[in-house]
PDB file of all heavy atoms in Angstrom:
ATOM      1  N   GLU A   1      66.790  15.960 114.511  1.00  0.00           N
ATOM      2  CA  GLU A   1      66.843  15.501 115.910  1.00  0.00           C
ATOM      3  C   GLU A   1      67.472  16.547 116.819  1.00  0.00           C
ATOM      4  O   GLU A   1      66.999  16.766 117.938  1.00  0.00           O
ATOM      5  CB  GLU A   1      67.613  14.174 116.019  1.00  0.00           C
ATOM      6  CG  GLU A   1      66.928  12.998 115.381  1.00  0.00           C
ATOM      7  CD  GLU A   1      65.714  12.482 116.143  1.00  0.00           C
ATOM      8  OE1 GLU A   1      65.404  12.979 117.241  1.00  0.00           O
ATOM      9  OE2 GLU A   1      65.054  11.578 115.602  1.00  0.00           O
ATOM     10  N   ASP A   2      68.528  17.212 116.345  1.00  0.00           N
ATOM     11  CA  ASP A   2      69.223  18.196 117.189  1.00  0.00           C
ATOM     12  C   ASP A   2      68.325  19.384 117.518  1.00  0.00           C
ATOM     13  O   ASP A   2      68.314  19.867 118.653  1.00  0.00           O
ATOM     14  CB  ASP A   2      70.504  18.684 116.506  1.00  0.00           C
ATOM     15  CG  ASP A   2      71.550  17.590 116.389  1.00  0.00           C
ATOM     16  OD1 ASP A   2      71.522  16.638 117.206  1.00  0.00           O
ATOM     17  OD2 ASP A   2      72.395  17.671 115.471  1.00  0.00           O
ATOM     18  N   ALA A   3      67.569  19.838 116.530  1.00  0.00           N
ATOM     19  CA  ALA A   3      66.683  20.991 116.751  1.00  0.00           C
ATOM     20  C   ALA A   3      65.369  20.595 117.403  1.00  0.00           C
ATOM     21  O   ALA A   3      64.651  21.449 117.925  1.00  0.00           O
ATOM     22  CB  ALA A   3      66.409  21.696 115.427  1.00  0.00           C
ATOM     23  N   GLY A   4      65.029  19.303 117.362  1.00  0.00           N
ATOM     24  CA  GLY A   4      63.750  18.861 117.904  1.00  0.00           C
ATOM     25  C   GLY A   4      62.578  19.319 117.055  1.00  0.00           C
ATOM     26  O   GLY A   4      61.495  19.613 117.562  1.00  0.00           O
ATOM     27  N   THR A   5      62.794  19.362 115.727  1.00  0.00           N
ATOM     28  CA  THR A   5      61.745  19.772 114.806  1.00  0.00           C
ATOM     29  C   THR A   5      61.643  18.751 113.674  1.00  0.00           C
ATOM     30  O   THR A   5      62.575  17.989 113.416  1.00  0.00           O
ATOM     31  CB  THR A   5      62.028  21.159 114.199  1.00  0.00           C
ATOM     32  OG1 THR A   5      63.268  21.119 113.494  1.00  0.00           O
ATOM     33  CG2 THR A   5      62.067  22.234 115.283  1.00  0.00           C
ATOM     34  N   ALA A   6      60.509  18.770 112.995  1.00  0.00           N
ATOM     35  CA  ALA A   6      60.306  17.867 111.865  1.00  0.00           C
ATOM     36  C   ALA A   6      59.253  18.456 110.941  1.00  0.00           C
ATOM     37  O   ALA A   6      58.421  19.264 111.359  1.00  0.00           O
ATOM     38  CB  ALA A   6      59.864  16.494 112.355  1.00  0.00           C
ATOM     39  N   THR A   7      59.323  18.016 109.692  1.00  0.00           N
ATOM     40  CA  THR A   7      58.293  18.340 108.720  1.00  0.00           C
ATOM     41  C   THR A   7      57.797  17.035 108.122  1.00  0.00           C
ATOM     42  O   THR A   7      58.516  16.030 108.111  1.00  0.00           O
ATOM     43  CB  THR A   7      58.820  19.250 107.587  1.00  0.00           C
ATOM     44  OG1 THR A   7      59.882  18.584 106.910  1.00  0.00           O
ATOM     45  CG2 THR A   7      59.289  20.588 108.135  1.00  0.00           C
ATOM     46  N   ALA A   8      56.568  17.068 107.638  1.00  0.00           N
ATOM     47  CA  ALA A   8      56.006  15.889 106.978  1.00  0.00           C
ATOM     48  C   ALA A   8      55.129  16.348 105.829  1.00  0.00           C
ATOM     49  O   ALA A   8      54.462  17.388 105.909  1.00  0.00           O
ATOM     50  CB  ALA A   8      55.191  15.055 107.958  1.00  0.00           C
ATOM     51  N   ARG A   9      55.166  15.559 104.777  1.00  0.00           N
ATOM     52  CA  ARG A   9      54.277  15.756 103.642  1.00  0.00           C
ATOM     53  C   ARG A   9      53.558  14.445 103.411  1.00  0.00           C
ATOM     54  O   ARG A   9      54.121  13.369 103.608  1.00  0.00           O
ATOM     55  CB  ARG A   9      55.071  16.138 102.394  1.00  0.00           C
ATOM     56  CG  ARG A   9      55.829  17.434 102.553  1.00  0.00           C
ATOM     57  CD  ARG A   9      56.447  17.925 101.251  1.00  0.00           C
ATOM     58  NE  ARG A   9      57.208  16.954 100.494  1.00  0.00           N
ATOM     59  CZ  ARG A   9      58.530  16.808 100.548  1.00  0.00           C
ATOM     60  NH1 ARG A   9      59.233  17.549 101.396  1.00  0.00           N
ATOM     61  NH2 ARG A   9      59.149  15.926  99.796  1.00  0.00           N
ATOM     62  N   ALA A  10      52.309  14.538 102.988  1.00  0.00           N
ATOM     63  CA  ALA A  10      51.537  13.325 102.716  1.00  0.00           C
ATOM     64  C   ALA A  10      50.372  13.682 101.806  1.00  0.00           C
ATOM     65  O   ALA A  10      49.981  14.841 101.692  1.00  0.00           O
ATOM     66  CB  ALA A  10      51.021  12.713 104.019  1.00  0.00           C
ATOM     67  N   TYR A  11      49.824  12.652 101.186  1.00  0.00           N
ATOM     68  CA  TYR A  11      48.582  12.787 100.442  1.00  0.00           C
ATOM     69  C   TYR A  11      47.445  12.310 101.325  1.00  0.00           C
ATOM     70  O   TYR A  11      47.631  11.441 102.177  1.00  0.00           O
ATOM     71  CB  TYR A  11      48.576  11.900  99.194  1.00  0.00           C
ATOM     72  CG  TYR A  11      49.539  12.285  98.100  1.00  0.00           C
ATOM     73  CD1 TYR A  11      49.753  11.409  97.052  1.00  0.00           C
ATOM     74  CD2 TYR A  11      50.222  13.497  98.085  1.00  0.00           C
ATOM     75  CE1 TYR A  11      50.622  11.727  96.019  1.00  0.00           C
ATOM     76  CE2 TYR A  11      51.088  13.821  97.070  1.00  0.00           C
ATOM     77  CZ  TYR A  11      51.287  12.937  96.036  1.00  0.00           C
ATOM     78  OH  TYR A  11      52.142  13.245  95.015  1.00  0.00           O
ATOM     79  N   PHE A  12      46.255  12.880 101.121  1.00  0.00           N
ATOM     80  CA  PHE A  12      45.066  12.339 101.775  1.00  0.00           C
ATOM     81  C   PHE A  12      43.981  12.094 100.743  1.00  0.00           C
ATOM     82  O   PHE A  12      43.876  12.800  99.746  1.00  0.00           O
ATOM     83  CB  PHE A  12      44.551  13.244 102.911  1.00  0.00           C
ATOM     84  CG  PHE A  12      44.004  14.575 102.462  1.00  0.00           C
ATOM     85  CD1 PHE A  12      42.695  14.711 102.017  1.00  0.00           C
ATOM     86  CD2 PHE A  12      44.791  15.712 102.526  1.00  0.00           C
ATOM     87  CE1 PHE A  12      42.179  15.946 101.619  1.00  0.00           C
ATOM     88  CE2 PHE A  12      44.299  16.951 102.130  1.00  0.00           C
ATOM     89  CZ  PHE A  12      42.996  17.063 101.677  1.00  0.00           C
ATOM     90  N   THR A  13      43.209  11.069 101.003  1.00  0.00           N
ATOM     91  CA  THR A  13      42.024  10.745 100.227  1.00  0.00           C
ATOM     92  C   THR A  13      40.912  10.511 101.228  1.00  0.00           C
ATOM     93  O   THR A  13      41.101   9.761 102.188  1.00  0.00           O
ATOM     94  CB  THR A  13      42.244   9.476  99.379  1.00  0.00           C
ATOM     95  OG1 THR A  13      43.410   9.652  98.580  1.00  0.00           O
ATOM     96  CG2 THR A  13      41.043   9.185  98.494  1.00  0.00           C
ATOM     97  N   VAL A  14      39.779  11.169 101.043  1.00  0.00           N
ATOM     98  CA  VAL A  14      38.657  11.028 101.964  1.00  0.00           C
ATOM     99  C   VAL A  14      37.527  10.303 101.242  1.00  0.00           C
ATOM    100  O   VAL A  14      37.066  10.748 100.185  1.00  0.00           O
ATOM    101  CB  VAL A  14      38.154  12.392 102.482  1.00  0.00           C
ATOM    102  CG1 VAL A  14      37.034  12.190 103.504  1.00  0.00           C
ATOM    103  CG2 VAL A  14      39.301  13.199 103.085  1.00  0.00           C
ATOM    104  N   LEU A  15      37.115   9.194 101.827  1.00  0.00           N
ATOM    105  CA  LEU A  15      35.976   8.433 101.309  1.00  0.00           C
ATOM    106  C   LEU A  15      34.793   8.655 102.229  1.00  0.00           C
ATOM    107  O   LEU A  15      34.969   8.879 103.436  1.00  0.00           O
ATOM    108  CB  LEU A  15      36.308   6.943 101.266  1.00  0.00           C
ATOM    109  CG  LEU A  15      37.450   6.560 100.333  1.00  0.00           C
ATOM    110  CD1 LEU A  15      38.730   6.405 101.120  1.00  0.00           C
ATOM    111  CD2 LEU A  15      37.107   5.298  99.615  1.00  0.00           C
ATOM    112  N   GLN A  16      33.590   8.576 101.672  1.00  0.00           N
ATOM    113  CA  GLN A  16      32.385   8.715 102.481  1.00  0.00           C
ATOM    114  C   GLN A  16      31.278   7.846 101.899  1.00  0.00           C
ATOM    115  O   GLN A  16      31.188   7.675 100.683  1.00  0.00           O
ATOM    116  CB  GLN A  16      31.915  10.169 102.530  1.00  0.00           C
ATOM    117  CG  GLN A  16      30.723  10.373 103.468  1.00  0.00           C
ATOM    118  CD  GLN A  16      30.280  11.818 103.541  1.00  0.00           C
ATOM    119  OE1 GLN A  16      30.231  12.522 102.542  1.00  0.00           O
ATOM    120  NE2 GLN A  16      29.948  12.261 104.734  1.00  0.00           N
ATOM    121  N   ALA A  17      30.451   7.327 102.801  1.00  0.00           N
ATOM    122  CA  ALA A  17      29.242   6.598 102.407  1.00  0.00           C
ATOM    123  C   ALA A  17      28.139   6.966 103.388  1.00  0.00           C
ATOM    124  O   ALA A  17      28.322   6.879 104.597  1.00  0.00           O
ATOM    125  CB  ALA A  17      29.474   5.097 102.426  1.00  0.00           C
ATOM    126  N   VAL A  18      27.024   7.432 102.848  1.00  0.00           N
ATOM    127  CA  VAL A  18      25.824   7.741 103.631  1.00  0.00           C
ATOM    128  C   VAL A  18      24.637   7.187 102.846  1.00  0.00           C
ATOM    129  O   VAL A  18      24.781   6.851 101.667  1.00  0.00           O
ATOM    130  CB  VAL A  18      25.676   9.260 103.889  1.00  0.00           C
ATOM    131  CG1 VAL A  18      26.832   9.789 104.729  1.00  0.00           C
ATOM    132  CG2 VAL A  18      25.569  10.039 102.601  1.00  0.00           C
ATOM    133  N   PRO A  19      23.454   7.094 103.461  1.00  0.00           N
ATOM    134  CA  PRO A  19      22.321   6.532 102.714  1.00  0.00           C
ATOM    135  C   PRO A  19      22.061   7.222 101.372  1.00  0.00           C
ATOM    136  O   PRO A  19      21.691   6.586 100.395  1.00  0.00           O
ATOM    137  CB  PRO A  19      21.142   6.713 103.672  1.00  0.00           C
ATOM    138  CG  PRO A  19      21.766   6.660 105.021  1.00  0.00           C
ATOM    139  CD  PRO A  19      23.109   7.350 104.867  1.00  0.00           C
ATOM    140  N   GLU A  20      22.303   8.538 101.305  1.00  0.00           N
ATOM    141  CA  GLU A  20      22.050   9.287 100.071  1.00  0.00           C
ATOM    142  C   GLU A  20      23.221   9.232  99.089  1.00  0.00           C
ATOM    143  O   GLU A  20      23.112   9.747  97.981  1.00  0.00           O
ATOM    144  CB  GLU A  20      21.782  10.771 100.394  1.00  0.00           C
ATOM    145  CG  GLU A  20      20.646  11.020 101.336  1.00  0.00           C
ATOM    146  CD  GLU A  20      21.057  10.943 102.827  1.00  0.00           C
ATOM    147  OE1 GLU A  20      22.207  10.610 103.142  1.00  0.00           O
ATOM    148  OE2 GLU A  20      20.194  11.209 103.663  1.00  0.00           O
ATOM    149  N   LEU A  21      24.335   8.645  99.494  1.00  0.00           N
ATOM    150  CA  LEU A  21      25.554   8.683  98.691  1.00  0.00           C
ATOM    151  C   LEU A  21      26.287   7.357  98.816  1.00  0.00           C
ATOM    152  O   LEU A  21      26.727   6.990  99.899  1.00  0.00           O
ATOM    153  CB  LEU A  21      26.465   9.809  99.204  1.00  0.00           C
ATOM    154  CG  LEU A  21      27.794  10.033  98.520  1.00  0.00           C
ATOM    155  CD1 LEU A  21      27.577  10.751  97.193  1.00  0.00           C
ATOM    156  CD2 LEU A  21      28.703  10.868  99.407  1.00  0.00           C
ATOM    157  N   PRO A  22      26.434   6.611  97.714  1.00  0.00           N
ATOM    158  CA  PRO A  22      27.195   5.366  97.807  1.00  0.00           C
ATOM    159  C   PRO A  22      28.661   5.673  98.095  1.00  0.00           C
ATOM    160  O   PRO A  22      29.125   6.796  97.864  1.00  0.00           O
ATOM    161  CB  PRO A  22      27.013   4.733  96.430  1.00  0.00           C
ATOM    162  CG  PRO A  22      26.649   5.853  95.525  1.00  0.00           C
ATOM    163  CD  PRO A  22      25.951   6.884  96.366  1.00  0.00           C
ATOM    164  N   LEU A  23      29.376   4.696  98.570  1.00  0.00           N
ATOM    165  CA  LEU A  23      30.788   4.863  98.886  1.00  0.00           C
ATOM    166  C   LEU A  23      31.526   5.474  97.700  1.00  0.00           C
ATOM    167  O   LEU A  23      31.456   4.964  96.582  1.00  0.00           O
ATOM    168  CB  LEU A  23      31.412   3.512  99.245  1.00  0.00           C
ATOM    169  CG  LEU A  23      32.910   3.553  99.566  1.00  0.00           C
ATOM    170  CD1 LEU A  23      33.170   4.389 100.805  1.00  0.00           C
ATOM    171  CD2 LEU A  23      33.449   2.150  99.738  1.00  0.00           C
ATOM    172  N   GLN A  24      32.219   6.590  97.976  1.00  0.00           N
ATOM    173  CA  GLN A  24      32.992   7.247  96.930  1.00  0.00           C
ATOM    174  C   GLN A  24      34.012   8.183  97.542  1.00  0.00           C
ATOM    175  O   GLN A  24      33.935   8.554  98.713  1.00  0.00           O
ATOM    176  CB  GLN A  24      32.090   8.007  95.968  1.00  0.00           C
ATOM    177  CG  GLN A  24      31.302   9.126  96.600  1.00  0.00           C
ATOM    178  CD  GLN A  24      30.361   9.748  95.586  1.00  0.00           C
ATOM    179  OE1 GLN A  24      30.711  10.726  94.936  1.00  0.00           O
ATOM    180  NE2 GLN A  24      29.180   9.159  95.443  1.00  0.00           N
ATOM    181  N   ILE A  25      34.978   8.559  96.725  1.00  0.00           N
ATOM    182  CA  ILE A  25      35.972   9.554  97.135  1.00  0.00           C
ATOM    183  C   ILE A  25      35.319  10.923  97.052  1.00  0.00           C
ATOM    184  O   ILE A  25      34.739  11.279  96.022  1.00  0.00           O
ATOM    185  CB  ILE A  25      37.223   9.479  96.243  1.00  0.00           C
ATOM    186  CG1 ILE A  25      37.910   8.119  96.428  1.00  0.00           C
ATOM    187  CG2 ILE A  25      38.163  10.636  96.548  1.00  0.00           C
ATOM    188  CD1 ILE A  25      39.010   7.850  95.435  1.00  0.00           C
ATOM    189  N   ILE A  26      35.419  11.690  98.148  1.00  0.00           N
ATOM    190  CA  ILE A  26      34.830  13.029  98.152  1.00  0.00           C
ATOM    191  C   ILE A  26      35.882  14.137  98.135  1.00  0.00           C
ATOM    192  O   ILE A  26      35.555  15.288  97.855  1.00  0.00           O
ATOM    193  CB  ILE A  26      33.856  13.226  99.333  1.00  0.00           C
ATOM    194  CG1 ILE A  26      34.565  13.043 100.665  1.00  0.00           C
ATOM    195  CG2 ILE A  26      32.662  12.282  99.184  1.00  0.00           C
ATOM    196  CD1 ILE A  26      33.757  13.501 101.862  1.00  0.00           C
ATOM    197  N   ALA A  27      37.133  13.794  98.469  1.00  0.00           N
ATOM    198  CA  ALA A  27      38.195  14.810  98.444  1.00  0.00           C
ATOM    199  C   ALA A  27      39.557  14.123  98.413  1.00  0.00           C
ATOM    200  O   ALA A  27      39.715  13.011  98.929  1.00  0.00           O
ATOM    201  CB  ALA A  27      38.103  15.726  99.662  1.00  0.00           C
ATOM    202  N   ALA A  28      40.512  14.828  97.826  1.00  0.00           N
ATOM    203  CA  ALA A  28      41.900  14.368  97.827  1.00  0.00           C
ATOM    204  C   ALA A  28      42.791  15.592  97.821  1.00  0.00           C
ATOM    205  O   ALA A  28      42.435  16.634  97.262  1.00  0.00           O
ATOM    206  CB  ALA A  28      42.185  13.482  96.621  1.00  0.00           C
ATOM    207  N   GLY A  29      43.929  15.464  98.468  1.00  0.00           N
ATOM    208  CA  GLY A  29      44.842  16.601  98.522  1.00  0.00           C
ATOM    209  C   GLY A  29      46.120  16.263  99.239  1.00  0.00           C
ATOM    210  O   GLY A  29      46.536  15.105  99.291  1.00  0.00           O
ATOM    211  N   ARG A  30      46.713  17.303  99.828  1.00  0.00           N
ATOM    212  CA  ARG A  30      48.023  17.175 100.479  1.00  0.00           C
ATOM    213  C   ARG A  30      47.995  17.749 101.892  1.00  0.00           C
ATOM    214  O   ARG A  30      47.302  18.723 102.148  1.00  0.00           O
ATOM    215  CB  ARG A  30      49.081  17.960  99.708  1.00  0.00           C
ATOM    216  CG  ARG A  30      49.284  17.530  98.302  1.00  0.00           C
ATOM    217  CD  ARG A  30      50.183  18.537  97.581  1.00  0.00           C
ATOM    218  NE  ARG A  30      50.242  18.240  96.173  1.00  0.00           N
ATOM    219  CZ  ARG A  30      51.249  17.598  95.597  1.00  0.00           C
ATOM    220  NH1 ARG A  30      52.272  17.220  96.309  1.00  0.00           N
ATOM    221  NH2 ARG A  30      51.223  17.358  94.306  1.00  0.00           N
ATOM    222  N   TYR A  31      48.791  17.144 102.732  1.00  0.00           N
ATOM    223  CA  TYR A  31      49.097  17.692 104.053  1.00  0.00           C
ATOM    224  C   TYR A  31      50.525  18.215 104.026  1.00  0.00           C
ATOM    225  O   TYR A  31      51.417  17.594 103.439  1.00  0.00           O
ATOM    226  CB  TYR A  31      49.026  16.626 105.146  1.00  0.00           C
ATOM    227  CG  TYR A  31      47.661  16.077 105.451  1.00  0.00           C
ATOM    228  CD1 TYR A  31      47.462  14.699 105.528  1.00  0.00           C
ATOM    229  CD2 TYR A  31      46.571  16.902 105.697  1.00  0.00           C
ATOM    230  CE1 TYR A  31      46.222  14.162 105.843  1.00  0.00           C
ATOM    231  CE2 TYR A  31      45.322  16.377 106.008  1.00  0.00           C
ATOM    232  CZ  TYR A  31      45.165  15.004 106.074  1.00  0.00           C
ATOM    233  OH  TYR A  31      43.940  14.476 106.382  1.00  0.00           O
ATOM    234  N   ARG A  32      50.731  19.334 104.695  1.00  0.00           N
ATOM    235  CA  ARG A  32      52.061  19.882 104.956  1.00  0.00           C
ATOM    236  C   ARG A  32      52.081  20.161 106.453  1.00  0.00           C
ATOM    237  O   ARG A  32      51.403  21.078 106.927  1.00  0.00           O
ATOM    238  CB  ARG A  32      52.302  21.185 104.189  1.00  0.00           C
ATOM    239  CG  ARG A  32      52.278  21.031 102.687  1.00  0.00           C
ATOM    240  CD  ARG A  32      53.566  20.375 102.203  1.00  0.00           C
ATOM    241  NE  ARG A  32      53.640  20.322 100.766  1.00  0.00           N
ATOM    242  CZ  ARG A  32      53.337  19.244 100.041  1.00  0.00           C
ATOM    243  NH1 ARG A  32      52.901  18.159 100.640  1.00  0.00           N
ATOM    244  NH2 ARG A  32      53.477  19.254  98.746  1.00  0.00           N
ATOM    245  N   ASP A  33      52.824  19.376 107.189  1.00  0.00           N
ATOM    246  CA  ASP A  33      52.789  19.443 108.652  1.00  0.00           C
ATOM    247  C   ASP A  33      54.151  19.802 109.220  1.00  0.00           C
ATOM    248  O   ASP A  33      55.188  19.488 108.631  1.00  0.00           O
ATOM    249  CB  ASP A  33      52.373  18.092 109.239  1.00  0.00           C
ATOM    250  CG  ASP A  33      51.069  17.559 108.684  1.00  0.00           C
ATOM    251  OD1 ASP A  33      50.259  18.360 108.191  1.00  0.00           O
ATOM    252  OD2 ASP A  33      50.866  16.344 108.744  1.00  0.00           O
TER     253      ASP A  33
END
């Protein structure tokens, strides 16, 4: 708070569904923000 800065870590999972592809996970990884 004093410096007015922050860091964040998180996981992401990306799902997608299109006519040629049934709903599924297409990517997973990490964010470092």
